[in-house]
Each structure stands twice: as C-alpha cells, then as structure tokens.
Amino acid sequence: MWFTLKKGAEAISIIYANGETTVFAEDAAIEAADPFGIRLDLNKNLRSRNKQENTYIDANDFLEHVHTLKSVQLFDATFIAKVRAQLQRIKPTGAHLRLLLNGEHAFDVGIDSESDLSMWLHVKSKL
C-alpha cells in the first residue's frame, strides 16, 4: 500500500545517459514493505504551457532515454527524514523506484542516505 509523504512539487536531480537535469516531482509516496518502494510523479513537467521551458524540454528528453537512468537525488529534508525512519523501522532487503512520466517506469535501486540534505537512489536495474 502506497502512502503519500509529500503532495507539493519538489526539485529532484536526475542523472542518465544524456547527462544530468533537474525536474519537478510531486506526490512523493512510499511503500513501507520489502522491497521498499519510492514513487515520484514527474508528469507535471510535461503539462507546461510554455513548451520552451527547461523542465518541459528536459522531461521529454529524459522520457526518450528513461531506460538509461543512473541515479536520482532527492533534496527535501522532510521527505528524506520520513523515508529514513521507515527504512530503519522495517529494514528492507531491497528497494524499488517508480517514476510516473507518461506511464510508469520501475527500477531496482540502492538507497544512499548518509546526509540529511540529500538522498541518492542509485539504479541497479530496470524492472
């Protein structure tokens, strides 16, 4: 069962084959299970009226190359603290990331949350 941890939009950094970009994620949710799940909705970037806006252009480029995702970096301290608390509570053996961007894209990830200021989700494989 998915639980929404943050409703508003938050900037995240994405690293993939074409480089690194910053886009907006909204409705961040977790699935407190094993494997642990993190879901980020990136569709807001595709709904821009201004088709010359960087987040629109970057989201479309990423959508074409989503299979080459390497890492996602989260910066929201509240979200990071809630994820870290759930990870300590359930101690999962694995984690997956679900990105909603013109459909759903799932990845097996490793979570690096050493810092309170950012959390890295490193892709191991596409599911």
C-alpha atoms as a PDB file:
ATOM      1  CA  MET A   1       0.000   0.000   0.000  1.00  0.00           C
ATOM      2  CA  TRP A   2       1.360   3.400  -1.023  1.00  0.00           C
ATOM      3  CA  PHE A   3       1.419   6.338   1.415  1.00  0.00           C
ATOM      4  CA  THR A   4       1.811   9.894   0.148  1.00  0.00           C
ATOM      5  CA  LEU A   5       4.527  11.721   2.079  1.00  0.00           C
ATOM      6  CA  LYS A   6       4.556  14.980   0.127  1.00  0.00           C
ATOM      7  CA  LYS A   7       1.826  16.483  -2.052  1.00  0.00           C
ATOM      8  CA  GLY A   8       3.577  19.551  -3.467  1.00  0.00           C
ATOM      9  CA  ALA A   9       6.252  19.806  -6.119  1.00  0.00           C
ATOM     10  CA  GLU A  10       9.918  19.439  -5.237  1.00  0.00           C
ATOM     11  CA  ALA A  11      13.001  19.714  -7.433  1.00  0.00           C
ATOM     12  CA  ILE A  12      14.975  16.498  -7.933  1.00  0.00           C
ATOM     13  CA  SER A  13      18.147  15.801  -9.854  1.00  0.00           C
ATOM     14  CA  ILE A  14      18.242  13.009 -12.428  1.00  0.00           C
ATOM     15  CA  ILE A  15      21.398  11.506 -13.901  1.00  0.00           C
ATOM     16  CA  TYR A  16      21.008   9.454 -17.079  1.00  0.00           C
ATOM     17  CA  ALA A  17      22.905   8.716 -20.297  1.00  0.00           C
ATOM     18  CA  ASN A  18      22.420  12.240 -21.711  1.00  0.00           C
ATOM     19  CA  GLY A  19      23.749  13.938 -18.581  1.00  0.00           C
ATOM     20  CA  GLU A  20      22.114  15.475 -15.537  1.00  0.00           C
ATOM     21  CA  THR A  21      18.938  17.519 -15.261  1.00  0.00           C
ATOM     22  CA  THR A  22      16.643  18.967 -12.632  1.00  0.00           C
ATOM     23  CA  VAL A  23      12.896  18.391 -12.884  1.00  0.00           C
ATOM     24  CA  PHE A  24       9.938  18.635 -10.524  1.00  0.00           C
ATOM     25  CA  ALA A  25       8.454  15.667  -8.687  1.00  0.00           C
ATOM     26  CA  GLU A  26       5.100  15.816  -6.951  1.00  0.00           C
ATOM     27  CA  ASP A  27       3.015  13.449  -4.871  1.00  0.00           C
ATOM     28  CA  ALA A  28       6.046  11.627  -3.481  1.00  0.00           C
ATOM     29  CA  ALA A  29       4.957   8.357  -1.900  1.00  0.00           C
ATOM     30  CA  ILE A  30       6.464   5.317  -0.215  1.00  0.00           C
ATOM     31  CA  GLU A  31       5.501   1.678   0.096  1.00  0.00           C
ATOM     32  CA  ALA A  32       6.681   0.511   3.524  1.00  0.00           C
ATOM     33  CA  ALA A  33       7.299  -3.116   2.571  1.00  0.00           C
ATOM     34  CA  ASP A  34      10.121  -5.376   1.493  1.00  0.00           C
ATOM     35  CA  PRO A  35      11.211  -4.370  -1.073  1.00  0.00           C
ATOM     36  CA  PHE A  36      10.791  -0.768  -0.002  1.00  0.00           C
ATOM     37  CA  GLY A  37       9.157   1.459  -2.620  1.00  0.00           C
ATOM     38  CA  ILE A  38       9.518   5.115  -3.556  1.00  0.00           C
ATOM     39  CA  ARG A  39       7.183   6.645  -6.154  1.00  0.00           C
ATOM     40  CA  LEU A  40       7.674  10.073  -7.749  1.00  0.00           C
ATOM     41  CA  ASP A  41       5.234  11.692 -10.169  1.00  0.00           C
ATOM     42  CA  LEU A  42       7.130  13.664 -12.849  1.00  0.00           C
ATOM     43  CA  ASN A  43       4.146  14.293 -15.145  1.00  0.00           C
ATOM     44  CA  LYS A  44       3.869  17.928 -14.038  1.00  0.00           C
ATOM     45  CA  ASN A  45       6.914  18.672 -16.193  1.00  0.00           C
ATOM     46  CA  LEU A  46       5.053  17.540 -19.332  1.00  0.00           C
ATOM     47  CA  ARG A  47       1.985  19.717 -18.621  1.00  0.00           C
ATOM     48  CA  SER A  48       3.748  23.049 -19.081  1.00  0.00           C
ATOM     49  CA  ARG A  49       2.045  25.646 -21.270  1.00  0.00           C
ATOM     50  CA  ASN A  50       5.443  27.032 -22.200  1.00  0.00           C
ATOM     51  CA  LYS A  51       6.973  24.306 -24.383  1.00  0.00           C
ATOM     52  CA  GLN A  52      10.309  26.170 -24.318  1.00  0.00           C
ATOM     53  CA  GLU A  53      10.596  25.820 -20.524  1.00  0.00           C
ATOM     54  CA  ASN A  54      13.665  23.865 -19.415  1.00  0.00           C
ATOM     55  CA  THR A  55      11.770  21.362 -17.275  1.00  0.00           C
ATOM     56  CA  TYR A  56       9.445  20.535 -20.204  1.00  0.00           C
ATOM     57  CA  ILE A  57      12.343  20.053 -22.619  1.00  0.00           C
ATOM     58  CA  ASP A  58      14.391  18.085 -20.074  1.00  0.00           C
ATOM     59  CA  ALA A  59      11.461  15.846 -19.091  1.00  0.00           C
ATOM     60  CA  ASN A  60      10.788  14.991 -22.740  1.00  0.00           C
ATOM     61  CA  ASP A  61      14.455  14.199 -23.343  1.00  0.00           C
ATOM     62  CA  PHE A  62      14.551  12.053 -20.206  1.00  0.00           C
ATOM     63  CA  LEU A  63      11.353  10.265 -21.287  1.00  0.00           C
ATOM     64  CA  GLU A  64      13.084   9.209 -24.517  1.00  0.00           C
ATOM     65  CA  HIS A  65      16.045   7.861 -22.518  1.00  0.00           C
ATOM     66  CA  VAL A  66      14.356   6.757 -19.279  1.00  0.00           C
ATOM     67  CA  HIS A  67      15.839   3.274 -19.687  1.00  0.00           C
ATOM     68  CA  THR A  68      19.314   4.809 -19.181  1.00  0.00           C
ATOM     69  CA  LEU A  69      18.554   6.226 -15.708  1.00  0.00           C
ATOM     70  CA  LYS A  70      21.577   6.024 -13.402  1.00  0.00           C
ATOM     71  CA  SER A  71      20.646   7.990 -10.253  1.00  0.00           C
ATOM     72  CA  VAL A  72      18.048  10.248  -8.690  1.00  0.00           C
ATOM     73  CA  GLN A  73      18.917  12.757  -5.988  1.00  0.00           C
ATOM     74  CA  LEU A  74      16.245  13.991  -3.571  1.00  0.00           C
ATOM     75  CA  PHE A  75      16.669  17.201  -1.570  1.00  0.00           C
ATOM     76  CA  ASP A  76      13.507  17.585   0.555  1.00  0.00           C
ATOM     77  CA  ALA A  77      14.629  17.214   4.195  1.00  0.00           C
ATOM     78  CA  THR A  78      11.169  16.244   5.465  1.00  0.00           C
ATOM     79  CA  PHE A  79      10.748  13.510   2.847  1.00  0.00           C
ATOM     80  CA  ILE A  80      14.275  12.219   3.486  1.00  0.00           C
ATOM     81  CA  ALA A  81      13.666  12.056   7.258  1.00  0.00           C
ATOM     82  CA  LYS A  82      10.391  10.130   6.785  1.00  0.00           C
ATOM     83  CA  VAL A  83      11.977   7.677   4.336  1.00  0.00           C
ATOM     84  CA  ARG A  84      14.952   7.142   6.640  1.00  0.00           C
ATOM     85  CA  ALA A  85      12.622   6.472   9.612  1.00  0.00           C
ATOM     86  CA  GLN A  86      10.685   3.856   7.632  1.00  0.00           C
ATOM     87  CA  LEU A  87      13.892   2.209   6.395  1.00  0.00           C
ATOM     88  CA  GLN A  88      15.147   1.895   9.978  1.00  0.00           C
ATOM     89  CA  ARG A  89      11.776   0.533  11.113  1.00  0.00           C
ATOM     90  CA  ILE A  90      11.337  -2.220   8.509  1.00  0.00           C
ATOM     91  CA  LYS A  91      14.969  -2.880   7.457  1.00  0.00           C
ATOM     92  CA  PRO A  92      14.151  -3.976   3.886  1.00  0.00           C
ATOM     93  CA  THR A  93      16.460  -6.182   1.854  1.00  0.00           C
ATOM     94  CA  GLY A  94      15.820  -4.200  -1.336  1.00  0.00           C
ATOM     95  CA  ALA A  95      14.211  -1.090  -2.774  1.00  0.00           C
ATOM     96  CA  HIS A  96      12.481  -0.036  -5.950  1.00  0.00           C
ATOM     97  CA  LEU A  97      11.759   3.323  -7.538  1.00  0.00           C
ATOM     98  CA  ARG A  98       8.665   4.031  -9.612  1.00  0.00           C
ATOM     99  CA  LEU A  99       8.727   7.124 -11.787  1.00  0.00           C
ATOM    100  CA  LEU A 100       5.437   8.297 -13.233  1.00  0.00           C
ATOM    101  CA  LEU A 101       6.230  10.044 -16.515  1.00  0.00           C
ATOM    102  CA  ASN A 102       3.804   9.371 -19.347  1.00  0.00           C
ATOM    103  CA  GLY A 103       3.344   5.909 -17.837  1.00  0.00           C
ATOM    104  CA  GLU A 104       5.156   4.065 -15.066  1.00  0.00           C
ATOM    105  CA  HIS A 105       8.864   3.203 -15.123  1.00  0.00           C
ATOM    106  CA  ALA A 106      10.225   0.890 -12.408  1.00  0.00           C
ATOM    107  CA  PHE A 107      13.804   0.397 -11.249  1.00  0.00           C
ATOM    108  CA  ASP A 108      15.623  -1.677  -8.638  1.00  0.00           C
ATOM    109  CA  VAL A 109      17.649   0.854  -6.624  1.00  0.00           C
ATOM    110  CA  GLY A 110      20.139   1.191  -3.826  1.00  0.00           C
ATOM    111  CA  ILE A 111      19.481   3.990  -1.330  1.00  0.00           C
ATOM    112  CA  ASP A 112      22.298   6.200  -0.040  1.00  0.00           C
ATOM    113  CA  SER A 113      21.002   8.425   2.745  1.00  0.00           C
ATOM    114  CA  GLU A 114      24.122   9.341   4.661  1.00  0.00           C
ATOM    115  CA  SER A 115      23.316  13.063   4.577  1.00  0.00           C
ATOM    116  CA  ASP A 116      20.278  14.891   5.976  1.00  0.00           C
ATOM    117  CA  LEU A 117      20.482  17.259   2.986  1.00  0.00           C
ATOM    118  CA  SER A 118      20.117  14.766   0.158  1.00  0.00           C
ATOM    119  CA  MET A 119      19.300  11.150  -0.622  1.00  0.00           C
ATOM    120  CA  TRP A 120      20.628   9.253  -3.640  1.00  0.00           C
ATOM    121  CA  LEU A 121      18.750   6.454  -5.381  1.00  0.00           C
ATOM    122  CA  HIS A 122      21.271   4.541  -7.497  1.00  0.00           C
ATOM    123  CA  VAL A 123      19.778   2.327 -10.199  1.00  0.00           C
ATOM    124  CA  LYS A 124      20.845  -1.318 -10.177  1.00  0.00           C
ATOM    125  CA  SER A 125      18.488  -2.472 -12.945  1.00  0.00           C
ATOM    126  CA  LYS A 126      15.262  -1.650 -14.742  1.00  0.00           C
ATOM    127  CA  LEU A 127      12.296  -3.761 -13.613  1.00  0.00           C
END
